[in-house]
Amino acid sequence: MSLKLRIQDDMKAALRAKDSARLSAVRMLIAAIKQREIDERVELDEAGVMATVEKLVKQRRDAATQYDAGNRPELAAAERFEIEVLSAYLPAALSDAELDAAIEAAITECGASGPADMGRVMGPLKARLAGRADMSDVSRRVRARLAS
């Protein structure tokens, strides 16, 4: 079953269960997918849908952090619930060991030797780790590895 169909089925299930919080989060995701399809005038494939989900999760994390800083725990909790709902559509995250192994493989593959080779390493990693790792964390790890 495609990811878009799974999201549609989850919306129907939330409607039947009268779970308004989950329904709201899933509808927001569907709206974002449709908006992107309209903007780009294409039918999104699995990777495109996954990228949209990742973007929404990142936005929710940023918002939750800001709500925490602004002493608004109820709004931060709502954002974290949406993160939980959206994360169900992402593949399982890589462990630290798997992430380090992928970084080492990419560095070896590219023949990178220093911080100037950061872009050459990040390109293949971004394609391989899409949806499975936070790219800002990957970038930080690659930078630290290349600096040493």
N, C-alpha and C. Protein backbone atom coordinates (compact mmCIF):
# COMPACT_ATOMS: atom_id res chain seq x y z
N MET A 1 0.85 -1.18 0.00
CA MET A 1 0.00 0.00 0.00
C MET A 1 0.90 1.24 0.00
N SER A 2 0.57 2.19 -0.85
CA SER A 2 1.38 3.40 -0.92
C SER A 2 1.17 4.25 0.34
N LEU A 3 2.11 5.11 0.58
CA LEU A 3 2.05 5.96 1.77
C LEU A 3 0.85 6.90 1.71
N LYS A 4 0.55 7.44 0.53
CA LYS A 4 -0.60 8.33 0.41
C LYS A 4 -1.90 7.60 0.73
N LEU A 5 -2.03 6.36 0.27
CA LEU A 5 -3.24 5.58 0.58
C LEU A 5 -3.33 5.28 2.07
N ARG A 6 -2.19 4.99 2.67
CA ARG A 6 -2.17 4.71 4.11
C ARG A 6 -2.61 5.94 4.91
N ILE A 7 -2.17 7.12 4.47
CA ILE A 7 -2.56 8.36 5.14
C ILE A 7 -4.06 8.58 4.99
N GLN A 8 -4.59 8.33 3.79
CA GLN A 8 -6.04 8.48 3.56
C GLN A 8 -6.82 7.51 4.45
N ASP A 9 -6.35 6.26 4.55
CA ASP A 9 -7.03 5.27 5.39
C ASP A 9 -6.98 5.68 6.87
N ASP A 10 -5.85 6.24 7.29
CA ASP A 10 -5.74 6.70 8.68
C ASP A 10 -6.69 7.85 8.96
N MET A 11 -6.91 8.71 7.96
CA MET A 11 -7.86 9.80 8.13
C MET A 11 -9.27 9.24 8.32
N LYS A 12 -9.62 8.26 7.51
CA LYS A 12 -10.95 7.65 7.63
C LYS A 12 -11.12 6.98 8.99
N ALA A 13 -10.06 6.30 9.45
CA ALA A 13 -10.12 5.62 10.75
C ALA A 13 -10.28 6.64 11.88
N ALA A 14 -9.58 7.77 11.78
CA ALA A 14 -9.70 8.81 12.81
C ALA A 14 -11.09 9.43 12.79
N LEU A 15 -11.67 9.57 11.60
CA LEU A 15 -13.04 10.07 11.48
C LEU A 15 -14.02 9.12 12.18
N ARG A 16 -13.87 7.83 11.89
CA ARG A 16 -14.77 6.84 12.49
C ARG A 16 -14.62 6.78 14.01
N ALA A 17 -13.37 6.92 14.48
CA ALA A 17 -13.10 6.85 15.91
C ALA A 17 -13.40 8.17 16.62
N LYS A 18 -13.71 9.21 15.85
CA LYS A 18 -13.99 10.54 16.39
C LYS A 18 -12.81 11.06 17.22
N ASP A 19 -11.62 10.76 16.73
CA ASP A 19 -10.37 11.21 17.35
C ASP A 19 -9.98 12.53 16.68
N SER A 20 -10.48 13.63 17.24
CA SER A 20 -10.32 14.93 16.56
C SER A 20 -8.87 15.40 16.50
N ALA A 21 -8.07 15.11 17.50
CA ALA A 21 -6.67 15.56 17.48
C ALA A 21 -5.89 14.84 16.38
N ARG A 22 -6.05 13.53 16.29
CA ARG A 22 -5.37 12.75 15.26
C ARG A 22 -5.91 13.14 13.87
N LEU A 23 -7.20 13.31 13.77
CA LEU A 23 -7.82 13.70 12.50
C LEU A 23 -7.26 15.03 12.02
N SER A 24 -7.11 15.97 12.93
CA SER A 24 -6.57 17.28 12.57
C SER A 24 -5.15 17.16 12.03
N ALA A 25 -4.32 16.36 12.68
CA ALA A 25 -2.93 16.18 12.26
C ALA A 25 -2.86 15.51 10.88
N VAL A 26 -3.67 14.49 10.67
CA VAL A 26 -3.65 13.78 9.39
C VAL A 26 -4.19 14.67 8.28
N ARG A 27 -5.23 15.43 8.56
CA ARG A 27 -5.77 16.35 7.55
C ARG A 27 -4.74 17.42 7.18
N MET A 28 -4.00 17.89 8.18
CA MET A 28 -2.95 18.87 7.92
C MET A 28 -1.90 18.28 6.98
N LEU A 29 -1.55 17.03 7.18
CA LEU A 29 -0.58 16.35 6.33
C LEU A 29 -1.12 16.20 4.91
N ILE A 30 -2.36 15.78 4.78
CA ILE A 30 -2.97 15.63 3.45
C ILE A 30 -3.00 16.97 2.73
N ALA A 31 -3.35 18.02 3.46
CA ALA A 31 -3.39 19.36 2.85
C ALA A 31 -2.00 19.79 2.38
N ALA A 32 -0.97 19.49 3.16
CA ALA A 32 0.40 19.84 2.77
C ALA A 32 0.83 19.07 1.52
N ILE A 33 0.46 17.81 1.45
CA ILE A 33 0.80 16.99 0.28
C ILE A 33 0.10 17.54 -0.96
N LYS A 34 -1.20 17.82 -0.83
CA LYS A 34 -1.95 18.35 -1.97
C LYS A 34 -1.42 19.71 -2.40
N GLN A 35 -1.06 20.54 -1.43
CA GLN A 35 -0.53 21.87 -1.76
C GLN A 35 0.78 21.74 -2.54
N ARG A 36 1.62 20.83 -2.11
CA ARG A 36 2.89 20.63 -2.81
C ARG A 36 2.65 20.09 -4.23
N GLU A 37 1.68 19.18 -4.37
CA GLU A 37 1.36 18.66 -5.70
C GLU A 37 0.84 19.76 -6.62
N ILE A 38 0.04 20.65 -6.08
CA ILE A 38 -0.49 21.76 -6.88
C ILE A 38 0.62 22.74 -7.23
N ASP A 39 1.45 23.07 -6.25
CA ASP A 39 2.53 24.02 -6.50
C ASP A 39 3.51 23.51 -7.55
N GLU A 40 3.86 22.24 -7.46
CA GLU A 40 4.85 21.66 -8.37
C GLU A 40 4.23 21.04 -9.62
N ARG A 41 2.91 20.96 -9.65
CA ARG A 41 2.16 20.39 -10.77
C ARG A 41 2.62 18.97 -11.11
N VAL A 42 2.79 18.16 -10.08
CA VAL A 42 3.17 16.76 -10.24
C VAL A 42 2.41 15.92 -9.22
N GLU A 43 2.36 14.64 -9.49
CA GLU A 43 1.83 13.68 -8.52
C GLU A 43 3.03 13.23 -7.68
N LEU A 44 2.99 13.45 -6.38
CA LEU A 44 4.13 13.11 -5.54
C LEU A 44 4.30 11.59 -5.44
N ASP A 45 5.54 11.16 -5.53
CA ASP A 45 5.85 9.75 -5.32
C ASP A 45 6.14 9.54 -3.83
N GLU A 46 6.55 8.33 -3.49
CA GLU A 46 6.81 8.01 -2.08
C GLU A 46 7.85 8.95 -1.47
N ALA A 47 8.92 9.23 -2.22
CA ALA A 47 9.98 10.09 -1.70
C ALA A 47 9.47 11.51 -1.48
N GLY A 48 8.62 11.99 -2.36
CA GLY A 48 8.06 13.33 -2.21
C GLY A 48 7.14 13.43 -1.00
N VAL A 49 6.33 12.40 -0.80
CA VAL A 49 5.44 12.38 0.37
C VAL A 49 6.28 12.32 1.64
N MET A 50 7.32 11.49 1.61
CA MET A 50 8.21 11.34 2.76
C MET A 50 8.88 12.68 3.09
N ALA A 51 9.33 13.39 2.06
CA ALA A 51 9.97 14.69 2.27
C ALA A 51 8.99 15.68 2.89
N THR A 52 7.74 15.63 2.48
CA THR A 52 6.72 16.50 3.05
C THR A 52 6.49 16.18 4.52
N VAL A 53 6.42 14.90 4.85
CA VAL A 53 6.25 14.50 6.25
C VAL A 53 7.44 14.97 7.08
N GLU A 54 8.66 14.78 6.56
CA GLU A 54 9.86 15.22 7.27
C GLU A 54 9.82 16.72 7.54
N LYS A 55 9.41 17.47 6.55
CA LYS A 55 9.36 18.93 6.69
C LYS A 55 8.36 19.32 7.79
N LEU A 56 7.20 18.68 7.79
CA LEU A 56 6.20 18.99 8.81
C LEU A 56 6.67 18.61 10.21
N VAL A 57 7.37 17.48 10.32
CA VAL A 57 7.89 17.06 11.63
C VAL A 57 8.92 18.08 12.12
N LYS A 58 9.78 18.53 11.23
CA LYS A 58 10.79 19.52 11.59
C LYS A 58 10.12 20.82 12.04
N GLN A 59 9.08 21.25 11.34
CA GLN A 59 8.36 22.46 11.73
C GLN A 59 7.74 22.29 13.11
N ARG A 60 7.18 21.12 13.37
CA ARG A 60 6.55 20.88 14.68
C ARG A 60 7.59 20.87 15.80
N ARG A 61 8.77 20.30 15.52
CA ARG A 61 9.84 20.30 16.54
C ARG A 61 10.26 21.73 16.87
N ASP A 62 10.44 22.54 15.84
CA ASP A 62 10.83 23.93 16.05
C ASP A 62 9.75 24.68 16.85
N ALA A 63 8.49 24.44 16.50
CA ALA A 63 7.39 25.11 17.19
C ALA A 63 7.33 24.68 18.65
N ALA A 64 7.50 23.38 18.92
CA ALA A 64 7.45 22.88 20.30
C ALA A 64 8.57 23.51 21.12
N THR A 65 9.75 23.64 20.54
CA THR A 65 10.87 24.27 21.23
C THR A 65 10.55 25.71 21.57
N GLN A 66 9.97 26.41 20.62
CA GLN A 66 9.62 27.82 20.85
C GLN A 66 8.52 27.95 21.90
N TYR A 67 7.54 27.06 21.88
CA TYR A 67 6.48 27.10 22.89
C TYR A 67 7.04 26.81 24.27
N ASP A 68 7.98 25.88 24.35
CA ASP A 68 8.62 25.62 25.64
C ASP A 68 9.36 26.86 26.15
N ALA A 69 10.07 27.52 25.24
CA ALA A 69 10.81 28.73 25.61
C ALA A 69 9.86 29.84 26.03
N GLY A 70 8.67 29.87 25.45
CA GLY A 70 7.68 30.89 25.77
C GLY A 70 6.77 30.51 26.92
N ASN A 71 7.10 29.42 27.61
CA ASN A 71 6.33 28.95 28.75
C ASN A 71 4.87 28.65 28.38
N ARG A 72 4.69 27.92 27.27
CA ARG A 72 3.35 27.51 26.81
C ARG A 72 3.31 25.99 26.68
N PRO A 73 3.33 25.27 27.81
CA PRO A 73 3.43 23.81 27.76
C PRO A 73 2.26 23.13 27.05
N GLU A 74 1.06 23.71 27.11
CA GLU A 74 -0.10 23.08 26.47
C GLU A 74 0.05 23.09 24.94
N LEU A 75 0.57 24.18 24.40
CA LEU A 75 0.80 24.25 22.96
C LEU A 75 1.96 23.35 22.53
N ALA A 76 3.00 23.28 23.37
CA ALA A 76 4.14 22.41 23.08
C ALA A 76 3.68 20.94 23.08
N ALA A 77 2.79 20.59 24.01
CA ALA A 77 2.28 19.22 24.06
C ALA A 77 1.47 18.89 22.81
N ALA A 78 0.70 19.85 22.31
CA ALA A 78 -0.07 19.63 21.08
C ALA A 78 0.86 19.40 19.89
N GLU A 79 1.93 20.17 19.83
CA GLU A 79 2.91 20.00 18.74
C GLU A 79 3.59 18.63 18.84
N ARG A 80 3.91 18.20 20.05
CA ARG A 80 4.55 16.90 20.22
C ARG A 80 3.62 15.75 19.85
N PHE A 81 2.33 15.93 20.10
CA PHE A 81 1.36 14.91 19.68
C PHE A 81 1.34 14.82 18.15
N GLU A 82 1.37 15.96 17.48
CA GLU A 82 1.39 15.96 16.01
C GLU A 82 2.68 15.31 15.49
N ILE A 83 3.80 15.54 16.18
CA ILE A 83 5.06 14.89 15.80
C ILE A 83 4.89 13.37 15.89
N GLU A 84 4.26 12.92 16.96
CA GLU A 84 4.05 11.48 17.15
C GLU A 84 3.19 10.90 16.03
N VAL A 85 2.12 11.60 15.66
CA VAL A 85 1.24 11.13 14.59
C VAL A 85 1.99 11.10 13.26
N LEU A 86 2.72 12.17 12.95
CA LEU A 86 3.43 12.27 11.68
C LEU A 86 4.60 11.28 11.60
N SER A 87 5.26 11.04 12.71
CA SER A 87 6.42 10.14 12.72
C SER A 87 6.04 8.70 12.36
N ALA A 88 4.78 8.36 12.52
CA ALA A 88 4.32 7.02 12.16
C ALA A 88 4.47 6.76 10.66
N TYR A 89 4.55 7.83 9.86
CA TYR A 89 4.66 7.68 8.41
C TYR A 89 6.11 7.68 7.93
N LEU A 90 7.05 7.85 8.84
CA LEU A 90 8.46 7.85 8.49
C LEU A 90 9.05 6.47 8.77
N PRO A 91 10.08 6.08 8.03
CA PRO A 91 10.73 4.79 8.33
C PRO A 91 11.46 4.87 9.67
N ALA A 92 11.79 3.72 10.21
CA ALA A 92 12.47 3.67 11.50
C ALA A 92 13.80 4.42 11.43
N ALA A 93 14.07 5.16 12.48
CA ALA A 93 15.31 5.95 12.53
C ALA A 93 16.51 5.03 12.72
N LEU A 94 17.64 5.46 12.19
CA LEU A 94 18.88 4.70 12.32
C LEU A 94 19.44 4.85 13.73
N SER A 95 20.09 3.82 14.21
CA SER A 95 20.77 3.91 15.50
C SER A 95 22.06 4.72 15.31
N ASP A 96 22.67 5.12 16.40
CA ASP A 96 23.92 5.89 16.32
C ASP A 96 25.01 5.09 15.61
N ALA A 97 25.09 3.81 15.89
CA ALA A 97 26.12 2.97 15.27
C ALA A 97 25.89 2.86 13.76
N GLU A 98 24.63 2.68 13.34
CA GLU A 98 24.32 2.59 11.92
C GLU A 98 24.61 3.91 11.21
N LEU A 99 24.30 5.01 11.90
CA LEU A 99 24.54 6.34 11.34
C LEU A 99 26.04 6.58 11.18
N ASP A 100 26.81 6.23 12.19
CA ASP A 100 28.27 6.39 12.10
C ASP A 100 28.86 5.52 10.99
N ALA A 101 28.33 4.31 10.83
CA ALA A 101 28.81 3.43 9.77
C ALA A 101 28.49 4.01 8.39
N ALA A 102 27.31 4.58 8.23
CA ALA A 102 26.93 5.19 6.95
C ALA A 102 27.82 6.39 6.64
N ILE A 103 28.14 7.17 7.66
CA ILE A 103 29.01 8.34 7.48
C ILE A 103 30.41 7.89 7.07
N GLU A 104 30.93 6.88 7.76
CA GLU A 104 32.26 6.36 7.42
C GLU A 104 32.30 5.83 5.99
N ALA A 105 31.26 5.11 5.60
CA ALA A 105 31.20 4.56 4.24
C ALA A 105 31.18 5.68 3.20
N ALA A 106 30.41 6.74 3.47
CA ALA A 106 30.32 7.85 2.52
C ALA A 106 31.65 8.59 2.43
N ILE A 107 32.34 8.75 3.55
CA ILE A 107 33.63 9.44 3.55
C ILE A 107 34.64 8.62 2.75
N THR A 108 34.66 7.32 2.97
CA THR A 108 35.57 6.44 2.25
C THR A 108 35.25 6.44 0.75
N GLU A 109 33.98 6.35 0.43
CA GLU A 109 33.52 6.33 -0.95
C GLU A 109 33.93 7.59 -1.72
N CYS A 110 33.80 8.74 -1.05
CA CYS A 110 34.11 10.03 -1.70
C CYS A 110 35.59 10.35 -1.64
N GLY A 111 36.32 9.67 -0.80
CA GLY A 111 37.74 9.98 -0.62
C GLY A 111 37.94 11.32 0.07
N ALA A 112 36.99 11.68 0.94
CA ALA A 112 37.06 12.96 1.64
C ALA A 112 38.19 12.94 2.66
N SER A 113 38.86 14.09 2.78
CA SER A 113 39.98 14.15 3.71
C SER A 113 39.90 15.31 4.69
N GLY A 114 39.05 16.28 4.43
CA GLY A 114 38.98 17.42 5.33
C GLY A 114 37.65 18.13 5.23
N PRO A 115 37.47 19.17 6.03
CA PRO A 115 36.20 19.91 6.06
C PRO A 115 35.79 20.49 4.70
N ALA A 116 36.73 20.70 3.81
CA ALA A 116 36.40 21.24 2.49
C ALA A 116 35.59 20.24 1.67
N ASP A 117 35.64 18.97 2.03
CA ASP A 117 34.92 17.92 1.30
C ASP A 117 33.53 17.65 1.87
N MET A 118 33.06 18.51 2.74
CA MET A 118 31.77 18.33 3.40
C MET A 118 30.63 18.12 2.39
N GLY A 119 30.55 18.94 1.36
CA GLY A 119 29.48 18.84 0.37
C GLY A 119 29.51 17.53 -0.39
N ARG A 120 30.71 17.06 -0.72
CA ARG A 120 30.84 15.80 -1.44
C ARG A 120 30.35 14.62 -0.61
N VAL A 121 30.47 14.71 0.70
CA VAL A 121 30.03 13.63 1.58
C VAL A 121 28.52 13.73 1.84
N MET A 122 28.03 14.94 2.03
CA MET A 122 26.63 15.12 2.38
C MET A 122 25.68 14.77 1.24
N GLY A 123 26.10 14.98 -0.01
CA GLY A 123 25.24 14.67 -1.15
C GLY A 123 24.73 13.24 -1.15
N PRO A 124 25.65 12.26 -1.16
CA PRO A 124 25.19 10.86 -1.15
C PRO A 124 24.47 10.48 0.15
N LEU A 125 24.91 11.06 1.27
CA LEU A 125 24.27 10.73 2.54
C LEU A 125 22.82 11.19 2.57
N LYS A 126 22.57 12.36 2.03
CA LYS A 126 21.22 12.91 2.03
C LYS A 126 20.27 11.97 1.28
N ALA A 127 20.74 11.42 0.17
CA ALA A 127 19.91 10.50 -0.60
C ALA A 127 19.70 9.18 0.14
N ARG A 128 20.74 8.67 0.77
CA ARG A 128 20.65 7.37 1.46
C ARG A 128 19.87 7.42 2.75
N LEU A 129 19.98 8.52 3.48
CA LEU A 129 19.40 8.59 4.82
C LEU A 129 18.08 9.33 4.88
N ALA A 130 17.51 9.67 3.74
CA ALA A 130 16.27 10.44 3.71
C ALA A 130 15.19 9.77 4.57
N GLY A 131 14.68 10.53 5.52
CA GLY A 131 13.61 10.04 6.38
C GLY A 131 14.07 9.15 7.52
N ARG A 132 15.32 8.77 7.53
CA ARG A 132 15.79 7.85 8.55
C ARG A 132 16.73 8.49 9.55
N ALA A 133 17.10 9.77 9.29
CA ALA A 133 18.00 10.47 10.21
C ALA A 133 17.77 11.97 10.08
N ASP A 134 18.00 12.68 11.16
CA ASP A 134 17.91 14.14 11.16
C ASP A 134 19.17 14.66 10.46
N MET A 135 18.98 15.31 9.33
CA MET A 135 20.13 15.72 8.52
C MET A 135 20.99 16.77 9.22
N SER A 136 20.43 17.56 10.12
CA SER A 136 21.27 18.51 10.85
C SER A 136 22.21 17.76 11.79
N ASP A 137 21.74 16.67 12.37
CA ASP A 137 22.59 15.83 13.22
C ASP A 137 23.67 15.15 12.37
N VAL A 138 23.28 14.66 11.20
CA VAL A 138 24.24 14.02 10.29
C VAL A 138 25.31 15.02 9.89
N SER A 139 24.89 16.23 9.54
CA SER A 139 25.83 17.27 9.15
C SER A 139 26.83 17.57 10.28
N ARG A 140 26.33 17.66 11.49
CA ARG A 140 27.20 17.92 12.65
C ARG A 140 28.21 16.79 12.83
N ARG A 141 27.76 15.54 12.67
CA ARG A 141 28.64 14.39 12.83
C ARG A 141 29.69 14.34 11.72
N VAL A 142 29.28 14.63 10.48
CA VAL A 142 30.22 14.61 9.37
C VAL A 142 31.27 15.68 9.57
N ARG A 143 30.83 16.88 9.97
CA ARG A 143 31.77 17.99 10.19
C ARG A 143 32.79 17.61 11.26
N ALA A 144 32.31 17.01 12.36
CA ALA A 144 33.22 16.61 13.45
C ALA A 144 34.19 15.52 12.97
N ARG A 145 33.69 14.57 12.17
CA ARG A 145 34.53 13.48 11.68
C ARG A 145 35.59 13.99 10.71
N LEU A 146 35.21 14.93 9.83
CA LEU A 146 36.16 15.45 8.85
C LEU A 146 37.19 16.40 9.50
N ALA A 147 36.80 17.01 10.60
CA ALA A 147 37.72 17.92 11.30
C ALA A 147 38.80 17.14 12.05
N SER A 148 38.50 15.89 12.40
CA SER A 148 39.48 15.11 13.18
C SER A 148 40.49 14.40 12.31
